[in-house]
Amino acid sequence: MSVLVVGLSHRSAPVSVLERAALTGDARAKLLQDALAAEPAAEAVVLSTCNRIELYADVDKFHAGVAELSTLLAQHSGVGLEELTPHLYVHYEDRAVHHLLSVACGLDSMVVGEGQILGQIKDALAAGQELHTAGRLLNDLFQQALRVGKRAHSETGIDRAGQSLVTFGLDQLAVTTGPLAGRRALVVGAGSMSSLAAATLARAGVRELAIANRTVDRAERLAATLASDNSALDSRAITMSEVAAALRTADVVVSCTGATGLVLTADDLRAALAERPAGTDLAVLDLAMPRDIDSAAHALLGVHLVDIESLAAASADAPMAADVDAVRAIVSEEVAAFGAAQRAARITPTVVALRAMAADVVAGELSRLEGRLPDLDDKQRAEITQTVRRVVDKLLHAPTVRVKQLAGEPGGAGYADALRELFDLDPQAVAAVRSAPTRTTLGVPEPNRGR
């Protein structure tokens, strides 16, 4: 079995396609279930963010896997397969591992070096574990990605190269509107991205902050938290029906909800502008995918709209930090380590089956000896038993240790087959060891062992 990823991102598809292909929580769950029901896939995890949709799977057939995963992405995203296919990328085996580790380090983000992707990878893995679609291989891979992402941020200066998408977006607003300090802000939504936006605005020194959300209790908790951290901030929660009134007084608006339709239309913004004091512009940041704010607002005089599409264009010109090369070196090192560990792990069931067969042979011979020498006392019997077992262990030690080392090297997959042939091991015995339940196959994450 091997890792396959099929996906699309801001690097391969225009925002208009990404927007239409965005998956709701229910759609992601159904995609995972259908992927597992498909014949080529034994495990599956979906990584879905505002600028990427990727389906990872453990498959035994490359071409069948690509065809099936591509079809499933089209079905669940609602974008036709013929339209979606030109924007899809495919990575397999080591290249798939390299891609995910690069994503975890922020190298493939719209804003290079941003750390928010780690939380999204963690959420993707948690969803796979909860639905029991992430098994041993993908658990290992995604846990490795989280560790490598943290390593990249702790051992290099990649943080200097990137910011969160929220910070980058607000910085783009400030280019045209000036500093945010002393402004009045409105945040629509109270999820992770909106909460980060609200906290960033508070740190930037806005004097008023209104938070609107369909679930008012969540907005109230966020407003209370921000107010307790900053006594100078006038922070309050409002209902969605009060957004129109808030638009008439806000200087800055940030929207990031999970809505499938527009939250603010061009007409909503036009109506708000008509009731604002003359000459007061409105700066709007739309971080949602699909978009919350009508793109027609770009044409409204007095509205400065920054959305995912304009952020993608701006980030293309952002400077790269020298530390990016160091992160790339870490990724290459970790890809090699992951591949070696997986190759070595594949031979473990064969080694276990070999030792089990040897134990059966020892037990049989000791039983035969018992019949031929019934007068042995307990001390003699124990000494003979220990000697026979020690001889077998010594004979097996060097070849089993060496075969694990060789299997961990590139091209080492054939050593398991050679071992089975040389010792005439029962394939069913090997398969039984391989399919034995583990913590990860039962949906329980392995402990974080660190490096």
Protein backbone atom coordinates (compact mmCIF):
# COMPACT_ATOMS: atom_id res chain seq x y z
CA MET A 1 0.00 0.00 0.00
CA SER A 2 1.23 3.54 -0.79
CA VAL A 3 0.24 7.15 -0.09
CA LEU A 4 -1.57 8.99 -2.88
CA VAL A 5 -2.78 12.60 -2.76
CA VAL A 6 -5.10 14.18 -5.29
CA GLY A 7 -5.98 17.84 -4.78
CA LEU A 8 -6.12 21.41 -5.94
CA SER A 9 -4.89 24.63 -4.37
CA HIS A 10 -4.27 28.31 -5.06
CA ARG A 11 -1.20 27.20 -6.99
CA SER A 12 -3.11 24.99 -9.43
CA ALA A 13 -6.57 26.51 -9.69
CA PRO A 14 -8.11 29.98 -9.96
CA VAL A 15 -10.00 31.23 -6.92
CA SER A 16 -13.28 30.92 -8.82
CA VAL A 17 -12.77 27.13 -9.07
CA LEU A 18 -11.53 26.80 -5.46
CA GLU A 19 -14.57 28.74 -4.31
CA ARG A 20 -17.00 26.40 -6.05
CA ALA A 21 -15.10 23.30 -4.94
CA ALA A 22 -15.09 24.26 -1.24
CA LEU A 23 -16.38 21.43 0.98
CA THR A 24 -18.72 21.77 3.94
CA GLY A 25 -18.12 19.68 7.06
CA ASP A 26 -20.81 17.19 6.05
CA ALA A 27 -19.40 16.94 2.53
CA ARG A 28 -15.92 16.20 3.92
CA ALA A 29 -17.29 13.41 6.12
CA LYS A 30 -19.21 11.86 3.23
CA LEU A 31 -16.15 12.13 0.98
CA LEU A 32 -14.07 10.23 3.54
CA GLN A 33 -16.69 7.50 3.86
CA ASP A 34 -17.04 7.13 0.10
CA ALA A 35 -13.27 7.09 -0.37
CA LEU A 36 -12.99 4.19 2.05
CA ALA A 37 -15.80 2.36 0.27
CA ALA A 38 -13.89 2.68 -3.01
CA GLU A 39 -11.84 -0.40 -3.84
CA PRO A 40 -8.35 1.14 -4.24
CA ALA A 41 -8.38 3.01 -0.89
CA ALA A 42 -7.78 1.43 2.53
CA GLU A 43 -7.46 4.74 4.44
CA ALA A 44 -8.37 8.36 3.72
CA VAL A 45 -7.94 11.87 5.16
CA VAL A 46 -9.24 15.17 3.71
CA LEU A 47 -7.28 18.40 4.18
CA SER A 48 -9.60 21.29 3.33
CA THR A 49 -8.67 24.94 3.91
CA CYS A 50 -9.57 28.27 2.36
CA ASN A 51 -7.02 27.74 -0.42
CA ARG A 52 -6.63 23.97 -0.82
CA ILE A 53 -8.66 20.77 -1.01
CA GLU A 54 -6.64 17.55 -0.83
CA LEU A 55 -7.67 13.93 -0.49
CA TYR A 56 -4.99 11.62 0.91
CA ALA A 57 -5.42 7.86 0.65
CA ASP A 58 -3.53 4.61 1.15
CA VAL A 59 -3.96 2.77 -2.15
CA ASP A 60 -2.71 -0.44 -3.71
CA LYS A 61 -3.22 0.68 -7.33
CA PHE A 62 -1.93 4.02 -8.61
CA HIS A 63 -3.99 4.57 -11.77
CA ALA A 64 -7.21 3.19 -10.29
CA GLY A 65 -6.60 5.31 -7.18
CA VAL A 66 -6.11 8.52 -9.16
CA ALA A 67 -9.26 7.89 -11.20
CA GLU A 68 -11.38 7.06 -8.16
CA LEU A 69 -10.17 9.92 -5.94
CA SER A 70 -10.54 12.45 -8.77
CA THR A 71 -14.09 11.28 -9.42
CA LEU A 72 -14.97 11.49 -5.72
CA LEU A 73 -13.56 15.02 -5.44
CA ALA A 74 -15.66 16.09 -8.40
CA GLN A 75 -18.80 14.46 -7.03
CA HIS A 76 -18.54 15.97 -3.57
CA SER A 77 -17.28 19.40 -4.62
CA GLY A 78 -20.00 19.87 -7.22
CA VAL A 79 -17.48 20.84 -9.92
CA GLY A 80 -17.68 18.61 -12.98
CA LEU A 81 -14.80 16.18 -13.47
CA GLU A 82 -13.91 17.55 -16.92
CA GLU A 83 -13.65 21.07 -15.50
CA LEU A 84 -11.87 20.00 -12.33
CA THR A 85 -9.26 17.67 -13.84
CA PRO A 86 -6.98 20.34 -15.42
CA HIS A 87 -6.57 21.93 -11.97
CA LEU A 88 -5.81 18.73 -10.05
CA TYR A 89 -2.32 17.67 -8.99
CA VAL A 90 -1.28 14.14 -8.07
CA HIS A 91 1.57 13.03 -5.79
CA TYR A 92 2.46 9.44 -5.01
CA GLU A 93 4.64 7.66 -2.44
CA ASP A 94 7.67 9.81 -1.47
CA ARG A 95 6.39 12.77 -3.48
CA ALA A 96 3.10 12.63 -1.57
CA VAL A 97 4.99 12.59 1.72
CA HIS A 98 7.19 15.48 0.55
CA HIS A 99 4.10 17.48 -0.42
CA LEU A 100 2.35 17.10 2.95
CA LEU A 101 5.51 17.91 4.92
CA SER A 102 6.03 21.01 2.76
CA VAL A 103 2.42 22.03 3.38
CA ALA A 104 2.89 21.53 7.14
CA CYS A 105 5.94 23.80 7.12
CA GLY A 106 4.07 26.56 5.31
CA LEU A 107 6.16 26.23 2.13
CA ASP A 108 3.06 25.66 -0.01
CA SER A 109 0.87 28.29 1.68
CA MET A 110 -0.39 31.43 0.01
CA VAL A 111 1.66 33.31 2.60
CA VAL A 112 4.90 31.31 2.87
CA GLY A 113 5.77 30.33 6.43
CA GLU A 114 2.33 30.84 7.98
CA GLY A 115 1.71 28.53 10.93
CA GLN A 116 -2.08 28.25 10.86
CA ILE A 117 -1.86 25.28 8.52
CA LEU A 118 -0.62 23.10 11.40
CA GLY A 119 -3.95 23.49 13.18
CA GLN A 120 -5.79 22.60 9.98
CA ILE A 121 -3.66 19.47 9.50
CA LYS A 122 -4.37 18.49 13.10
CA ASP A 123 -8.11 18.96 12.51
CA ALA A 124 -7.96 16.87 9.33
CA LEU A 125 -6.27 14.01 11.18
CA ALA A 126 -8.74 14.26 14.06
CA ALA A 127 -11.65 14.00 11.61
CA GLY A 128 -10.09 10.93 10.01
CA GLN A 129 -9.58 9.33 13.41
CA GLU A 130 -13.12 10.13 14.54
CA LEU A 131 -14.60 8.57 11.39
CA HIS A 132 -12.09 5.68 11.54
CA THR A 133 -10.84 6.40 8.02
CA ALA A 134 -7.26 7.16 9.11
CA GLY A 135 -5.36 3.96 9.77
CA ARG A 136 -1.76 3.14 10.58
CA LEU A 137 -0.12 4.73 7.52
CA LEU A 138 -1.98 8.04 7.41
CA ASN A 139 -1.85 8.40 11.19
CA ASP A 140 1.92 8.01 11.00
CA LEU A 141 2.18 10.42 8.06
CA PHE A 142 0.03 13.19 9.53
CA GLN A 143 1.64 12.88 12.97
CA GLN A 144 5.01 13.18 11.23
CA ALA A 145 3.79 16.25 9.34
CA LEU A 146 2.78 17.94 12.59
CA ARG A 147 6.15 17.19 14.15
CA VAL A 148 8.06 18.41 11.08
CA GLY A 149 6.01 21.61 10.90
CA LYS A 150 6.78 22.36 14.53
CA ARG A 151 10.44 21.52 13.96
CA ALA A 152 10.63 23.92 11.00
CA HIS A 153 9.21 26.78 13.05
CA SER A 154 11.44 26.07 16.06
CA GLU A 155 14.74 25.43 14.24
CA THR A 156 14.56 28.07 11.50
CA GLY A 157 13.41 31.62 11.02
CA ILE A 158 10.58 30.65 8.68
CA ASP A 159 8.24 32.69 10.89
CA ARG A 160 10.03 35.79 9.63
CA ALA A 161 9.10 34.84 6.07
CA GLY A 162 5.43 34.47 6.65
CA GLN A 163 2.43 35.71 8.55
CA SER A 164 -1.00 34.27 9.00
CA LEU A 165 -3.42 34.88 6.16
CA VAL A 166 -5.33 37.17 8.54
CA THR A 167 -2.28 39.34 9.27
CA PHE A 168 -1.31 39.44 5.63
CA GLY A 169 -4.83 40.47 4.65
CA LEU A 170 -5.03 43.22 7.25
CA ASP A 171 -1.62 44.47 6.15
CA GLN A 172 -2.93 44.68 2.59
CA LEU A 173 -5.90 46.72 3.83
CA ALA A 174 -3.59 49.06 5.70
CA VAL A 175 -1.72 49.81 2.47
CA THR A 176 -4.74 51.71 1.19
CA THR A 177 -6.50 52.72 4.41
CA GLY A 178 -3.60 53.53 6.73
CA PRO A 179 -2.99 52.20 10.27
CA LEU A 180 -5.81 50.32 12.00
CA ALA A 181 -5.21 51.87 15.41
CA GLY A 182 -8.13 53.95 16.60
CA ARG A 183 -10.50 52.54 13.97
CA ARG A 184 -13.92 50.93 14.43
CA ALA A 185 -14.06 47.31 13.26
CA LEU A 186 -16.72 44.73 12.47
CA VAL A 187 -15.96 41.00 12.34
CA VAL A 188 -18.55 38.68 10.82
CA GLY A 189 -18.14 35.11 12.06
CA ALA A 190 -16.70 33.65 15.25
CA GLY A 191 -14.84 30.58 14.01
CA SER A 192 -11.08 30.06 14.21
CA MET A 193 -10.20 32.44 11.35
CA SER A 194 -12.64 35.14 12.50
CA SER A 195 -11.44 34.80 16.09
CA LEU A 196 -7.85 35.26 14.93
CA ALA A 197 -8.93 38.32 12.94
CA ALA A 198 -10.69 39.80 15.97
CA ALA A 199 -7.66 39.20 18.19
CA THR A 200 -5.33 40.69 15.55
CA LEU A 201 -7.52 43.79 15.24
CA ALA A 202 -7.52 44.18 19.02
CA ARG A 203 -3.73 44.00 19.11
CA ALA A 204 -3.57 46.51 16.27
CA GLY A 205 -5.34 49.02 18.52
CA VAL A 206 -8.86 49.35 17.10
CA ARG A 207 -11.01 51.24 19.59
CA GLU A 208 -14.34 49.52 18.84
CA LEU A 209 -14.98 45.94 17.79
CA ALA A 210 -18.38 44.45 16.94
CA ILE A 211 -18.57 40.67 16.42
CA ALA A 212 -21.53 39.20 14.54
CA ASN A 213 -22.30 35.49 14.39
CA ARG A 214 -25.32 33.32 13.76
CA THR A 215 -24.74 31.77 17.19
CA VAL A 216 -24.72 34.88 19.37
CA ASP A 217 -23.39 33.04 22.45
CA ARG A 218 -20.15 32.29 20.63
CA ALA A 219 -19.75 35.93 19.60
CA GLU A 220 -20.42 37.03 23.18
CA ARG A 221 -17.73 34.72 24.56
CA LEU A 222 -15.18 36.00 22.04
CA ALA A 223 -16.09 39.65 22.75
CA ALA A 224 -15.82 39.10 26.50
CA THR A 225 -12.43 37.41 26.16
CA LEU A 226 -11.01 40.26 24.06
CA ALA A 227 -12.43 42.89 26.41
CA SER A 228 -10.87 41.19 29.44
CA ASP A 229 -7.48 41.21 27.72
CA ASN A 230 -7.72 44.89 26.67
CA SER A 231 -9.50 47.33 28.94
CA ALA A 232 -9.28 50.09 26.32
CA LEU A 233 -11.24 48.05 23.77
CA ASP A 234 -15.00 48.50 23.40
CA SER A 235 -15.87 44.95 22.31
CA ARG A 236 -19.44 43.69 21.89
CA ALA A 237 -21.44 40.94 20.21
CA ILE A 238 -24.24 41.67 17.75
CA THR A 239 -26.76 39.56 15.85
CA MET A 240 -26.57 39.04 12.10
CA SER A 241 -29.64 41.25 11.71
CA GLU A 242 -27.61 44.13 13.19
CA VAL A 243 -24.79 43.87 10.64
CA ALA A 244 -26.41 46.39 8.27
CA ALA A 245 -26.47 49.03 11.02
CA ALA A 246 -22.89 48.23 12.04
CA LEU A 247 -21.72 48.75 8.45
CA ARG A 248 -22.79 52.39 8.66
CA THR A 249 -20.24 53.14 11.41
CA ALA A 250 -17.43 50.61 10.86
CA ASP A 251 -14.13 51.59 9.26
CA VAL A 252 -12.89 48.01 8.81
CA VAL A 253 -14.91 44.86 8.11
CA VAL A 254 -13.54 41.30 8.21
CA SER A 255 -15.77 38.43 7.18
CA CYS A 256 -15.06 34.70 7.37
CA THR A 257 -18.07 32.46 7.86
CA GLY A 258 -18.95 28.97 6.74
CA ALA A 259 -21.92 30.21 4.74
CA THR A 260 -22.49 28.71 1.30
CA GLY A 261 -23.99 31.95 -0.08
CA LEU A 262 -23.05 35.62 0.08
CA VAL A 263 -23.18 37.24 3.50
CA LEU A 264 -22.82 40.79 2.18
CA THR A 265 -23.96 41.73 -1.32
CA ALA A 266 -22.87 44.75 -3.32
CA ASP A 267 -26.30 46.24 -2.60
CA ASP A 268 -25.74 45.82 1.16
CA LEU A 269 -22.49 47.75 0.93
CA ARG A 270 -23.95 50.36 -1.39
CA ALA A 271 -26.80 50.97 1.07
CA ALA A 272 -24.34 51.30 3.96
CA LEU A 273 -22.22 53.81 2.00
CA ALA A 274 -25.31 55.94 1.31
CA GLU A 275 -25.89 56.38 5.04
CA ARG A 276 -22.27 56.99 6.03
CA PRO A 277 -20.75 60.46 6.38
CA ALA A 278 -19.46 61.75 3.04
CA GLY A 279 -15.84 60.88 2.32
CA THR A 280 -15.61 57.96 4.76
CA ASP A 281 -14.39 54.84 3.01
CA LEU A 282 -15.01 51.24 4.06
CA ALA A 283 -12.14 48.72 4.13
CA VAL A 284 -13.35 45.14 3.72
CA LEU A 285 -11.41 41.88 4.08
CA ASP A 286 -13.09 38.66 2.89
CA LEU A 287 -11.23 35.55 4.07
CA ALA A 288 -14.01 33.06 3.36
CA MET A 289 -14.00 30.27 0.80
CA PRO A 290 -16.49 30.31 -0.81
CA ARG A 291 -16.53 34.09 -0.60
CA ASP A 292 -18.75 35.94 1.88
CA ILE A 293 -18.72 39.27 0.04
CA ASP A 294 -19.89 39.95 -3.50
CA SER A 295 -16.87 40.48 -5.77
CA ALA A 296 -18.87 43.26 -7.44
CA ALA A 297 -17.95 45.36 -4.38
CA HIS A 298 -14.53 45.89 -6.01
CA ALA A 299 -16.25 48.36 -8.33
CA LEU A 300 -17.96 50.37 -5.57
CA LEU A 301 -16.51 53.82 -5.02
CA GLY A 302 -15.59 54.15 -1.34
CA VAL A 303 -15.09 50.39 -0.76
CA HIS A 304 -11.60 48.87 -0.57
CA LEU A 305 -12.13 45.09 -0.85
CA VAL A 306 -9.35 42.58 -0.26
CA ASP A 307 -10.33 38.95 -0.85
CA ILE A 308 -8.63 35.60 -1.39
CA GLU A 309 -8.09 36.36 -5.06
CA SER A 310 -6.35 39.66 -4.44
CA LEU A 311 -4.34 38.12 -1.59
CA ALA A 312 -3.11 35.41 -3.95
CA ALA A 313 -1.92 38.04 -6.40
CA ALA A 314 -0.22 40.07 -3.67
CA SER A 315 1.49 37.06 -2.09
CA ALA A 316 3.09 36.13 -5.40
CA ASP A 317 5.28 39.21 -5.03
CA ALA A 318 6.05 38.69 -1.32
CA PRO A 319 9.77 38.28 -0.54
CA MET A 320 11.08 34.85 0.40
CA ALA A 321 13.18 34.48 3.52
CA ALA A 322 16.60 32.84 3.39
CA ASP A 323 15.32 30.36 5.98
CA VAL A 324 13.08 28.76 3.36
CA ASP A 325 16.11 26.83 2.08
CA ALA A 326 16.74 25.52 5.59
CA VAL A 327 13.14 24.34 5.85
CA ARG A 328 13.39 22.61 2.49
CA ALA A 329 16.45 20.75 3.77
CA ILE A 330 14.50 19.65 6.86
CA VAL A 331 11.65 18.42 4.68
CA SER A 332 14.00 16.38 2.47
CA GLU A 333 15.65 14.85 5.53
CA GLU A 334 12.31 13.96 7.11
CA VAL A 335 10.91 12.49 3.88
CA ALA A 336 13.89 10.13 3.73
CA ALA A 337 13.44 9.20 7.40
CA PHE A 338 9.72 8.54 6.95
CA GLY A 339 10.32 6.39 3.88
CA ALA A 340 13.00 4.35 5.65
CA ALA A 341 10.75 3.81 8.68
CA GLN A 342 7.83 2.70 6.52
CA ARG A 343 9.97 0.34 4.45
CA ALA A 344 11.44 -1.17 7.62
CA ALA A 345 7.96 -1.52 9.13
CA ARG A 346 6.77 -3.52 6.12
CA ILE A 347 9.20 -6.32 6.93
CA THR A 348 8.29 -6.48 10.62
CA PRO A 349 5.33 -8.89 10.12
CA THR A 350 7.63 -11.25 8.23
CA VAL A 351 10.24 -11.13 11.00
CA VAL A 352 7.56 -11.70 13.66
CA ALA A 353 6.18 -14.65 11.69
CA LEU A 354 9.70 -16.08 11.35
CA ARG A 355 10.33 -15.89 15.08
CA ALA A 356 6.91 -17.44 15.76
CA MET A 357 7.75 -20.33 13.44
CA ALA A 358 11.11 -20.76 15.18
CA ALA A 359 9.37 -20.82 18.56
CA ASP A 360 7.01 -23.52 17.29
CA VAL A 361 9.96 -25.59 16.05
CA VAL A 362 11.71 -25.24 19.43
CA ALA A 363 8.54 -26.22 21.27
CA GLY A 364 8.08 -29.26 19.03
CA GLU A 365 11.66 -30.44 19.46
CA LEU A 366 11.54 -30.00 23.24
CA SER A 367 8.32 -32.00 23.36
CA ARG A 368 9.96 -34.77 21.29
CA LEU A 369 12.98 -34.75 23.63
CA GLU A 370 10.66 -35.04 26.62
CA GLY A 371 9.27 -38.26 25.13
CA ARG A 372 12.69 -39.71 24.42
CA LEU A 373 14.28 -38.71 27.76
CA PRO A 374 11.50 -38.89 30.34
CA ASP A 375 13.91 -39.29 33.27
CA LEU A 376 15.34 -35.77 33.04
CA ASP A 377 14.92 -33.81 36.25
CA ASP A 378 13.53 -30.26 36.27
CA LYS A 379 16.97 -28.63 36.42
CA GLN A 380 18.27 -30.59 33.44
CA ARG A 381 15.09 -29.96 31.45
CA ALA A 382 15.29 -26.20 32.15
CA GLU A 383 18.96 -26.08 31.14
CA ILE A 384 18.30 -27.88 27.85
CA THR A 385 15.30 -25.65 27.11
CA GLN A 386 17.29 -22.49 27.74
CA THR A 387 20.20 -23.73 25.61
CA VAL A 388 18.02 -24.60 22.61
CA ARG A 389 16.22 -21.27 22.76
CA ARG A 390 19.51 -19.39 23.08
CA VAL A 391 20.95 -21.16 20.02
CA VAL A 392 17.87 -20.31 17.91
CA ASP A 393 17.87 -16.70 19.09
CA LYS A 394 21.54 -16.27 18.22
CA LEU A 395 21.06 -17.81 14.79
CA LEU A 396 18.13 -15.49 14.02
CA HIS A 397 19.48 -12.31 15.60
CA ALA A 398 21.99 -11.17 12.97
CA PRO A 399 19.86 -11.92 9.88
CA THR A 400 16.69 -10.34 11.31
CA VAL A 401 18.53 -7.19 12.43
CA ARG A 402 20.32 -6.92 9.10
CA VAL A 403 17.20 -7.55 7.03
CA LYS A 404 15.42 -4.70 8.85
CA GLN A 405 18.34 -2.41 8.05
CA LEU A 406 18.37 -3.44 4.39
CA ALA A 407 14.59 -3.13 4.09
CA GLY A 408 14.81 0.47 5.28
CA GLU A 409 17.00 1.42 2.33
CA PRO A 410 15.62 2.45 -1.08
CA GLY A 411 14.74 -0.66 -3.05
CA GLY A 412 14.56 -2.76 0.10
CA ALA A 413 10.97 -3.93 -0.36
CA GLY A 414 12.11 -7.26 -1.85
CA TYR A 415 13.83 -8.46 1.32
CA ALA A 416 10.54 -9.45 2.95
CA ASP A 417 9.73 -11.67 -0.05
CA ALA A 418 13.21 -13.20 0.09
CA LEU A 419 12.84 -13.98 3.78
CA ARG A 420 9.47 -15.65 3.23
CA GLU A 421 10.91 -17.78 0.41
CA LEU A 422 14.08 -18.79 2.26
CA PHE A 423 12.24 -19.94 5.38
CA ASP A 424 9.10 -21.16 3.60
CA LEU A 425 6.89 -18.96 5.78
CA ASP A 426 3.14 -19.34 5.58
CA PRO A 427 1.78 -16.19 3.83
CA GLN A 428 -1.35 -16.37 5.97
CA ALA A 429 0.75 -16.22 9.13
CA VAL A 430 2.48 -13.08 7.85
CA ALA A 431 -0.87 -11.53 6.87
CA ALA A 432 -2.28 -12.29 10.33
CA VAL A 433 0.57 -10.34 11.96
CA ARG A 434 0.16 -7.45 9.51
CA SER A 435 -3.59 -7.13 10.15
CA ALA A 436 -3.38 -7.38 13.94
CA PRO A 437 -5.13 -4.34 15.53
CA THR A 438 -2.97 -1.49 16.82
CA ARG A 439 -3.68 1.79 18.58
CA THR A 440 -3.86 3.63 15.27
CA THR A 441 -6.06 1.12 13.47
CA LEU A 442 -8.48 1.34 16.37
CA GLY A 443 -8.65 5.11 15.90
CA VAL A 444 -6.41 5.90 18.89
CA PRO A 445 -3.54 8.25 18.03
CA GLU A 446 -0.04 7.10 18.81
CA PRO A 447 1.73 9.11 21.52
CA ASN A 448 3.87 11.99 20.31
CA ARG A 449 7.38 10.62 20.64
CA GLY A 450 9.11 13.81 19.52
CA ARG A 451 12.23 13.54 17.50
